[in-house]
Amino acid sequence: MREMGNWREYQIRRLANDREAAIDYLQLTLEEYLADGDLTFFLKELRVFIASQGGVVEICKQTGINAETLSDALSNEDAPLFDLLRTILNSLECRLSIEPQARMNTILETATDSP
């Protein structure tokens, strides 16, 4: 009988091979967090996304963030800044959104083009 991996490992492999699916996954995770405020769930799924994109070490190389700092932020369920931002945005009837930069650059260029 073939040994099956767990769901998290499957998700990481799947998202690693499909950038668009990974962005969609992160957007859905964010939307769920904004709807229900479950920070524990959000951080867990954010860790899955980061693992699919090369892991903490790779993200730290790309961002210049210290690996220990990033690991602490991803495991800290007392993320008052993120919750504060969520509260402020909710009060302003705004929300965060995750989109690939290439798509955002196209949207911005279209919005600023003269007729």
N, C-alpha and C. Protein backbone atom coordinates (compact mmCIF):
# COMPACT_ATOMS: atom_id res chain seq x y z
N MET A 1 0.84 -1.18 0.00
CA MET A 1 0.00 0.00 0.00
C MET A 1 0.89 1.24 0.00
N ARG A 2 0.54 2.19 -0.82
CA ARG A 2 1.29 3.43 -0.92
C ARG A 2 1.03 4.32 0.28
N GLU A 3 2.10 4.91 0.82
CA GLU A 3 1.95 5.80 1.98
C GLU A 3 1.45 7.16 1.50
N MET A 4 0.43 7.65 2.14
CA MET A 4 -0.16 8.93 1.77
C MET A 4 0.40 10.03 2.65
N GLY A 5 0.68 11.18 2.07
CA GLY A 5 1.10 12.35 2.83
C GLY A 5 -0.11 13.01 3.46
N ASN A 6 0.15 13.97 4.31
CA ASN A 6 -0.98 14.65 4.92
C ASN A 6 -1.47 15.80 4.03
N TRP A 7 -2.58 16.37 4.40
CA TRP A 7 -3.23 17.41 3.61
C TRP A 7 -2.32 18.62 3.44
N ARG A 8 -1.63 19.03 4.49
CA ARG A 8 -0.75 20.19 4.42
C ARG A 8 0.35 19.96 3.39
N GLU A 9 0.96 18.80 3.41
CA GLU A 9 2.02 18.49 2.43
C GLU A 9 1.48 18.51 1.01
N TYR A 10 0.27 17.98 0.84
CA TYR A 10 -0.36 17.99 -0.49
C TYR A 10 -0.58 19.43 -0.95
N GLN A 11 -1.12 20.27 -0.07
CA GLN A 11 -1.38 21.67 -0.42
C GLN A 11 -0.09 22.39 -0.81
N ILE A 12 0.96 22.17 -0.06
CA ILE A 12 2.24 22.82 -0.34
C ILE A 12 2.73 22.42 -1.73
N ARG A 13 2.68 21.13 -2.04
CA ARG A 13 3.12 20.67 -3.36
C ARG A 13 2.25 21.25 -4.47
N ARG A 14 0.96 21.24 -4.25
CA ARG A 14 0.02 21.75 -5.26
C ARG A 14 0.26 23.23 -5.52
N LEU A 15 0.38 24.01 -4.46
CA LEU A 15 0.57 25.45 -4.61
C LEU A 15 1.94 25.81 -5.17
N ALA A 16 2.94 24.98 -4.87
CA ALA A 16 4.28 25.24 -5.38
C ALA A 16 4.32 25.12 -6.90
N ASN A 17 3.43 24.32 -7.46
CA ASN A 17 3.42 24.08 -8.90
C ASN A 17 2.44 24.94 -9.67
N ASP A 18 1.71 25.81 -8.96
CA ASP A 18 0.69 26.64 -9.63
C ASP A 18 0.61 27.99 -8.94
N ARG A 19 1.36 28.95 -9.46
CA ARG A 19 1.44 30.29 -8.83
C ARG A 19 0.07 30.95 -8.71
N GLU A 20 -0.75 30.85 -9.75
CA GLU A 20 -2.07 31.46 -9.70
C GLU A 20 -2.93 30.83 -8.61
N ALA A 21 -2.87 29.52 -8.48
CA ALA A 21 -3.62 28.84 -7.42
C ALA A 21 -3.10 29.27 -6.05
N ALA A 22 -1.79 29.48 -5.93
CA ALA A 22 -1.21 29.91 -4.66
C ALA A 22 -1.72 31.30 -4.27
N ILE A 23 -1.77 32.21 -5.23
CA ILE A 23 -2.29 33.56 -4.96
C ILE A 23 -3.77 33.48 -4.59
N ASP A 24 -4.53 32.69 -5.32
CA ASP A 24 -5.96 32.51 -5.00
C ASP A 24 -6.15 31.94 -3.60
N TYR A 25 -5.31 30.98 -3.24
CA TYR A 25 -5.36 30.34 -1.92
C TYR A 25 -5.11 31.38 -0.82
N LEU A 26 -4.10 32.22 -1.03
CA LEU A 26 -3.78 33.25 -0.05
C LEU A 26 -4.90 34.28 0.04
N GLN A 27 -5.49 34.65 -1.09
CA GLN A 27 -6.60 35.60 -1.09
C GLN A 27 -7.80 35.02 -0.34
N LEU A 28 -8.13 33.76 -0.59
CA LEU A 28 -9.25 33.12 0.11
C LEU A 28 -8.98 33.05 1.61
N THR A 29 -7.74 32.72 1.96
CA THR A 29 -7.36 32.66 3.38
C THR A 29 -7.55 34.03 4.03
N LEU A 30 -7.12 35.08 3.35
CA LEU A 30 -7.27 36.43 3.87
C LEU A 30 -8.75 36.79 4.00
N GLU A 31 -9.55 36.48 2.99
CA GLU A 31 -10.98 36.78 3.04
C GLU A 31 -11.65 36.08 4.22
N GLU A 32 -11.28 34.84 4.46
CA GLU A 32 -11.86 34.12 5.60
C GLU A 32 -11.45 34.77 6.92
N TYR A 33 -10.19 35.18 7.01
CA TYR A 33 -9.74 35.87 8.23
C TYR A 33 -10.50 37.18 8.43
N LEU A 34 -10.66 37.95 7.35
CA LEU A 34 -11.36 39.22 7.47
C LEU A 34 -12.83 39.02 7.85
N ALA A 35 -13.40 37.90 7.43
CA ALA A 35 -14.80 37.62 7.76
C ALA A 35 -14.99 37.14 9.18
N ASP A 36 -14.08 36.26 9.66
CA ASP A 36 -14.32 35.67 10.97
C ASP A 36 -13.28 36.02 12.03
N GLY A 37 -12.18 36.65 11.63
CA GLY A 37 -11.18 37.07 12.61
C GLY A 37 -10.38 35.95 13.23
N ASP A 38 -10.38 34.77 12.61
CA ASP A 38 -9.66 33.63 13.16
C ASP A 38 -8.18 33.73 12.79
N LEU A 39 -7.41 34.42 13.61
CA LEU A 39 -6.00 34.66 13.34
C LEU A 39 -5.19 33.37 13.34
N THR A 40 -5.54 32.43 14.20
CA THR A 40 -4.83 31.15 14.25
C THR A 40 -4.92 30.45 12.91
N PHE A 41 -6.11 30.39 12.34
CA PHE A 41 -6.31 29.77 11.03
C PHE A 41 -5.52 30.53 9.96
N PHE A 42 -5.61 31.85 9.98
CA PHE A 42 -4.92 32.64 8.97
C PHE A 42 -3.41 32.39 9.00
N LEU A 43 -2.83 32.42 10.18
CA LEU A 43 -1.39 32.21 10.30
C LEU A 43 -0.98 30.80 9.86
N LYS A 44 -1.82 29.82 10.17
CA LYS A 44 -1.53 28.44 9.75
C LYS A 44 -1.52 28.34 8.22
N GLU A 45 -2.51 28.93 7.59
CA GLU A 45 -2.59 28.87 6.14
C GLU A 45 -1.54 29.75 5.48
N LEU A 46 -1.15 30.84 6.12
CA LEU A 46 -0.07 31.67 5.61
C LEU A 46 1.24 30.89 5.62
N ARG A 47 1.44 30.07 6.65
CA ARG A 47 2.63 29.21 6.71
C ARG A 47 2.63 28.19 5.56
N VAL A 48 1.45 27.67 5.21
CA VAL A 48 1.35 26.75 4.07
C VAL A 48 1.75 27.47 2.79
N PHE A 49 1.23 28.68 2.60
CA PHE A 49 1.56 29.46 1.41
C PHE A 49 3.06 29.73 1.34
N ILE A 50 3.65 30.17 2.44
CA ILE A 50 5.08 30.46 2.47
C ILE A 50 5.90 29.21 2.18
N ALA A 51 5.49 28.08 2.75
CA ALA A 51 6.19 26.82 2.48
C ALA A 51 6.12 26.48 0.99
N SER A 52 5.00 26.76 0.36
CA SER A 52 4.85 26.45 -1.06
C SER A 52 5.69 27.36 -1.95
N GLN A 53 6.09 28.49 -1.42
CA GLN A 53 6.87 29.44 -2.20
C GLN A 53 8.35 29.39 -1.87
N GLY A 54 8.78 28.30 -1.26
CA GLY A 54 10.20 28.10 -0.98
C GLY A 54 10.53 28.10 0.50
N GLY A 55 9.58 28.43 1.33
CA GLY A 55 9.78 28.39 2.77
C GLY A 55 10.30 29.70 3.35
N VAL A 56 10.43 29.70 4.65
CA VAL A 56 10.84 30.89 5.39
C VAL A 56 12.20 31.38 4.90
N VAL A 57 13.14 30.47 4.71
CA VAL A 57 14.49 30.88 4.30
C VAL A 57 14.45 31.61 2.97
N GLU A 58 13.72 31.08 2.01
CA GLU A 58 13.62 31.72 0.70
C GLU A 58 12.94 33.08 0.79
N ILE A 59 11.87 33.16 1.54
CA ILE A 59 11.16 34.44 1.70
C ILE A 59 12.08 35.46 2.37
N CYS A 60 12.86 35.02 3.33
CA CYS A 60 13.79 35.92 4.02
C CYS A 60 14.87 36.44 3.06
N LYS A 61 15.34 35.58 2.17
CA LYS A 61 16.32 36.01 1.17
C LYS A 61 15.72 37.09 0.27
N GLN A 62 14.47 36.88 -0.13
CA GLN A 62 13.80 37.81 -1.04
C GLN A 62 13.47 39.14 -0.37
N THR A 63 13.18 39.12 0.92
CA THR A 63 12.70 40.31 1.60
C THR A 63 13.73 41.00 2.48
N GLY A 64 14.77 40.27 2.85
CA GLY A 64 15.75 40.82 3.77
C GLY A 64 15.31 40.77 5.22
N ILE A 65 14.21 40.09 5.48
CA ILE A 65 13.72 39.94 6.85
C ILE A 65 14.51 38.83 7.53
N ASN A 66 14.85 39.03 8.77
CA ASN A 66 15.55 38.03 9.57
C ASN A 66 14.65 36.80 9.72
N ALA A 67 15.21 35.60 9.52
CA ALA A 67 14.44 34.35 9.58
C ALA A 67 13.76 34.17 10.93
N GLU A 68 14.44 34.51 12.00
CA GLU A 68 13.84 34.36 13.34
C GLU A 68 12.66 35.32 13.50
N THR A 69 12.79 36.53 12.98
CA THR A 69 11.70 37.51 13.05
C THR A 69 10.47 37.02 12.31
N LEU A 70 10.69 36.51 11.09
CA LEU A 70 9.57 36.01 10.30
C LEU A 70 8.94 34.79 10.96
N SER A 71 9.75 33.86 11.42
CA SER A 71 9.22 32.67 12.08
C SER A 71 8.41 33.04 13.32
N ASP A 72 8.90 33.99 14.09
CA ASP A 72 8.16 34.45 15.28
C ASP A 72 6.82 35.06 14.88
N ALA A 73 6.83 35.87 13.83
CA ALA A 73 5.58 36.52 13.38
C ALA A 73 4.56 35.50 12.90
N LEU A 74 5.04 34.44 12.25
CA LEU A 74 4.12 33.42 11.73
C LEU A 74 3.60 32.49 12.81
N SER A 75 4.28 32.41 13.92
CA SER A 75 3.83 31.52 14.99
C SER A 75 3.18 32.27 16.13
N ASN A 76 3.22 33.58 16.09
CA ASN A 76 2.67 34.39 17.17
C ASN A 76 1.19 34.64 16.92
N GLU A 77 0.36 34.06 17.75
CA GLU A 77 -1.07 34.24 17.60
C GLU A 77 -1.55 35.53 18.26
N ASP A 78 -0.64 36.28 18.81
CA ASP A 78 -0.95 37.59 19.38
C ASP A 78 -0.42 38.67 18.44
N ALA A 79 -0.95 38.72 17.24
CA ALA A 79 -0.48 39.67 16.24
C ALA A 79 -1.33 40.93 16.31
N PRO A 80 -1.09 41.78 17.30
CA PRO A 80 -1.96 42.93 17.49
C PRO A 80 -1.95 43.91 16.31
N LEU A 81 -0.83 44.07 15.63
CA LEU A 81 -0.78 44.99 14.51
C LEU A 81 -1.71 44.54 13.39
N PHE A 82 -1.69 43.26 13.07
CA PHE A 82 -2.54 42.76 12.00
C PHE A 82 -4.01 42.88 12.38
N ASP A 83 -4.34 42.52 13.62
CA ASP A 83 -5.72 42.67 14.08
C ASP A 83 -6.14 44.14 14.12
N LEU A 84 -5.22 45.02 14.51
CA LEU A 84 -5.52 46.45 14.53
C LEU A 84 -5.80 46.95 13.12
N LEU A 85 -4.99 46.54 12.16
CA LEU A 85 -5.21 46.92 10.78
C LEU A 85 -6.57 46.42 10.30
N ARG A 86 -6.91 45.20 10.63
CA ARG A 86 -8.22 44.64 10.25
C ARG A 86 -9.35 45.48 10.85
N THR A 87 -9.24 45.83 12.11
CA THR A 87 -10.26 46.64 12.78
C THR A 87 -10.40 48.01 12.12
N ILE A 88 -9.28 48.65 11.83
CA ILE A 88 -9.31 49.98 11.20
C ILE A 88 -9.96 49.89 9.83
N LEU A 89 -9.53 48.92 9.03
CA LEU A 89 -10.09 48.78 7.69
C LEU A 89 -11.58 48.47 7.73
N ASN A 90 -12.00 47.61 8.66
CA ASN A 90 -13.43 47.31 8.79
C ASN A 90 -14.21 48.57 9.13
N SER A 91 -13.70 49.39 10.01
CA SER A 91 -14.41 50.61 10.41
C SER A 91 -14.52 51.60 9.24
N LEU A 92 -13.57 51.52 8.32
CA LEU A 92 -13.58 52.40 7.14
C LEU A 92 -14.28 51.75 5.95
N GLU A 93 -14.87 50.58 6.20
CA GLU A 93 -15.54 49.80 5.17
C GLU A 93 -14.61 49.50 4.01
N CYS A 94 -13.37 49.13 4.35
CA CYS A 94 -12.35 48.75 3.38
C CYS A 94 -11.86 47.35 3.71
N ARG A 95 -11.12 46.77 2.79
CA ARG A 95 -10.55 45.46 3.05
C ARG A 95 -9.23 45.31 2.31
N LEU A 96 -8.44 44.39 2.79
CA LEU A 96 -7.19 44.04 2.11
C LEU A 96 -7.51 43.09 0.97
N SER A 97 -6.64 43.08 -0.03
CA SER A 97 -6.80 42.16 -1.14
C SER A 97 -5.41 41.71 -1.58
N ILE A 98 -5.32 40.49 -2.05
CA ILE A 98 -4.04 39.95 -2.52
C ILE A 98 -4.17 39.66 -4.01
N GLU A 99 -3.27 40.27 -4.79
CA GLU A 99 -3.23 40.06 -6.22
C GLU A 99 -1.77 40.02 -6.65
N PRO A 100 -1.46 39.28 -7.69
CA PRO A 100 -0.09 39.29 -8.20
C PRO A 100 0.28 40.70 -8.66
N GLN A 101 1.53 41.09 -8.48
CA GLN A 101 1.94 42.44 -8.85
C GLN A 101 1.74 42.73 -10.33
N ALA A 102 1.98 41.77 -11.19
CA ALA A 102 1.82 42.01 -12.63
C ALA A 102 0.39 42.43 -12.93
N ARG A 103 -0.58 41.79 -12.31
CA ARG A 103 -1.98 42.14 -12.52
C ARG A 103 -2.24 43.55 -11.99
N MET A 104 -1.69 43.87 -10.81
CA MET A 104 -1.89 45.20 -10.23
C MET A 104 -1.25 46.26 -11.11
N ASN A 105 -0.06 46.00 -11.65
CA ASN A 105 0.60 46.97 -12.52
C ASN A 105 -0.24 47.25 -13.75
N THR A 106 -0.86 46.22 -14.32
CA THR A 106 -1.73 46.40 -15.48
C THR A 106 -2.94 47.23 -15.12
N ILE A 107 -3.54 46.97 -13.98
CA ILE A 107 -4.70 47.73 -13.53
C ILE A 107 -4.32 49.19 -13.33
N LEU A 108 -3.19 49.45 -12.68
CA LEU A 108 -2.76 50.82 -12.45
C LEU A 108 -2.46 51.54 -13.75
N GLU A 109 -1.81 50.86 -14.70
CA GLU A 109 -1.51 51.49 -15.99
C GLU A 109 -2.79 51.82 -16.74
N THR A 110 -3.76 50.92 -16.72
CA THR A 110 -5.02 51.15 -17.38
C THR A 110 -5.76 52.33 -16.76
N ALA A 111 -5.71 52.42 -15.44
CA ALA A 111 -6.42 53.49 -14.73
C ALA A 111 -5.79 54.85 -14.97
N THR A 112 -4.49 54.89 -15.25
CA THR A 112 -3.82 56.18 -15.42
C THR A 112 -3.60 56.56 -16.88
N ASP A 113 -3.94 55.67 -17.81
CA ASP A 113 -3.81 56.00 -19.24
C ASP A 113 -4.77 57.10 -19.62
N SER A 114 -4.31 58.00 -20.46
CA SER A 114 -5.17 59.07 -20.97
C SER A 114 -5.96 58.57 -22.17
N PRO A 115 -7.21 59.03 -22.33
CA PRO A 115 -8.01 58.57 -23.48
C PRO A 115 -7.50 59.11 -24.79
